[in-house]
């Protein structure tokens, strides 16, 4: 494997880690704004984070976007945030 493929693999891995962290943050914020005296359930927050991550990873990896690099990552993070906002108003 040449060095350019290695850089691409490392870049994809870092992007997926960023998407996972963003999914956890969006999920936690989503359930933070609900008025629950017991606070957010850790299991529910984890499942919602998993769903947000799967959505974002599918768009990032399988989407036919012509955008590459940081612009593609920013767009997918925006999709995650938008999905969390839509879910908040639907619940």
Protein backbone atom coordinates (compact mmCIF):
# COMPACT_ATOMS: atom_id res chain seq x y z
CA UNK A 1 0.00 0.00 0.00
CA UNK A 2 1.47 3.34 -0.99
CA UNK A 3 1.66 6.35 1.31
CA UNK A 4 -1.22 8.25 -0.32
CA UNK A 5 -3.62 5.36 0.38
CA UNK A 6 -2.39 5.23 3.98
CA UNK A 7 -3.11 8.95 4.45
CA UNK A 8 -6.59 8.50 2.98
CA UNK A 9 -7.30 5.57 5.33
CA UNK A 10 -6.13 7.57 8.35
CA UNK A 11 -8.18 10.56 7.22
CA UNK A 12 -11.31 8.43 6.83
CA UNK A 13 -10.80 6.91 10.28
CA UNK A 14 -10.38 10.34 11.89
CA UNK A 15 -13.49 11.60 10.08
CA UNK A 16 -15.54 8.67 11.37
CA UNK A 17 -14.29 9.30 14.91
CA UNK A 18 -15.33 12.94 14.59
CA UNK A 19 -18.75 11.84 13.36
CA UNK A 20 -19.12 9.46 16.33
CA UNK A 21 -18.23 12.18 18.83
CA UNK A 22 -20.62 14.60 17.14
CA UNK A 23 -23.40 11.99 17.27
CA UNK A 24 -22.91 11.52 21.02
CA UNK A 25 -22.92 15.28 21.62
CA UNK A 26 -26.04 15.83 19.49
CA UNK A 27 -27.84 12.95 21.18
CA UNK A 28 -26.93 14.18 24.65
CA UNK A 29 -28.08 17.71 23.82
CA UNK A 30 -31.30 16.37 22.31
CA UNK A 31 -32.28 14.67 25.55
CA UNK A 32 -30.89 17.45 27.75
CA UNK A 33 -33.61 19.83 26.58
CA UNK A 34 -36.46 17.50 27.58
CA UNK A 35 -37.91 18.33 31.00
CA UNK A 36 -37.37 15.01 32.74
CA UNK A 37 -36.75 15.15 36.51
CA UNK A 38 -34.66 11.97 36.38
CA UNK A 39 -32.45 13.23 33.57
CA UNK A 40 -31.71 11.52 30.28
CA UNK A 41 -31.52 7.74 30.22
CA UNK A 42 -28.03 6.58 29.25
CA UNK A 43 -29.35 3.70 27.14
CA UNK A 44 -31.69 5.96 25.17
CA UNK A 45 -28.93 8.51 24.60
CA UNK A 46 -26.61 5.74 23.40
CA UNK A 47 -29.13 4.28 20.98
CA UNK A 48 -29.94 7.73 19.57
CA UNK A 49 -26.23 8.44 19.17
CA UNK A 50 -25.84 5.14 17.33
CA UNK A 51 -28.71 6.00 15.00
CA UNK A 52 -27.29 9.46 14.29
CA UNK A 53 -23.86 7.97 13.65
CA UNK A 54 -25.19 5.30 11.28
CA UNK A 55 -27.10 7.95 9.34
CA UNK A 56 -24.05 10.19 9.10
CA UNK A 57 -21.65 7.36 8.25
CA UNK A 58 -23.96 6.13 5.49
CA UNK A 59 -24.11 9.59 3.95
CA UNK A 60 -20.35 10.10 4.38
CA UNK A 61 -19.26 6.74 3.00
CA UNK A 62 -21.98 5.86 0.49
CA UNK A 63 -23.30 9.22 -0.61
CA UNK A 64 -22.61 10.27 -4.19
CA UNK A 65 -21.40 13.67 -3.06
CA UNK A 66 -18.97 15.42 -5.35
CA UNK A 67 -17.58 17.29 -2.34
CA UNK A 68 -14.40 15.98 -0.70
CA UNK A 69 -12.33 16.71 2.36
CA UNK A 70 -13.35 19.04 5.14
CA UNK A 71 -16.36 20.34 3.19
CA UNK A 72 -17.85 16.84 3.01
CA UNK A 73 -17.25 16.29 6.71
CA UNK A 74 -18.83 19.65 7.55
CA UNK A 75 -21.86 18.84 5.42
CA UNK A 76 -22.35 15.48 7.15
CA UNK A 77 -21.99 17.08 10.59
CA UNK A 78 -24.64 19.58 9.53
CA UNK A 79 -26.89 16.67 8.56
CA UNK A 80 -26.39 15.17 12.03
CA UNK A 81 -27.28 18.43 13.75
CA UNK A 82 -30.29 18.92 11.50
CA UNK A 83 -31.48 15.37 12.21
CA UNK A 84 -31.21 15.99 15.97
CA UNK A 85 -33.19 19.22 15.65
CA UNK A 86 -35.91 17.52 13.60
CA UNK A 87 -36.12 14.68 16.12
CA UNK A 88 -36.44 17.16 18.97
CA UNK A 89 -39.44 18.85 17.37
CA UNK A 90 -41.01 15.50 16.41
CA UNK A 91 -40.88 14.12 19.96
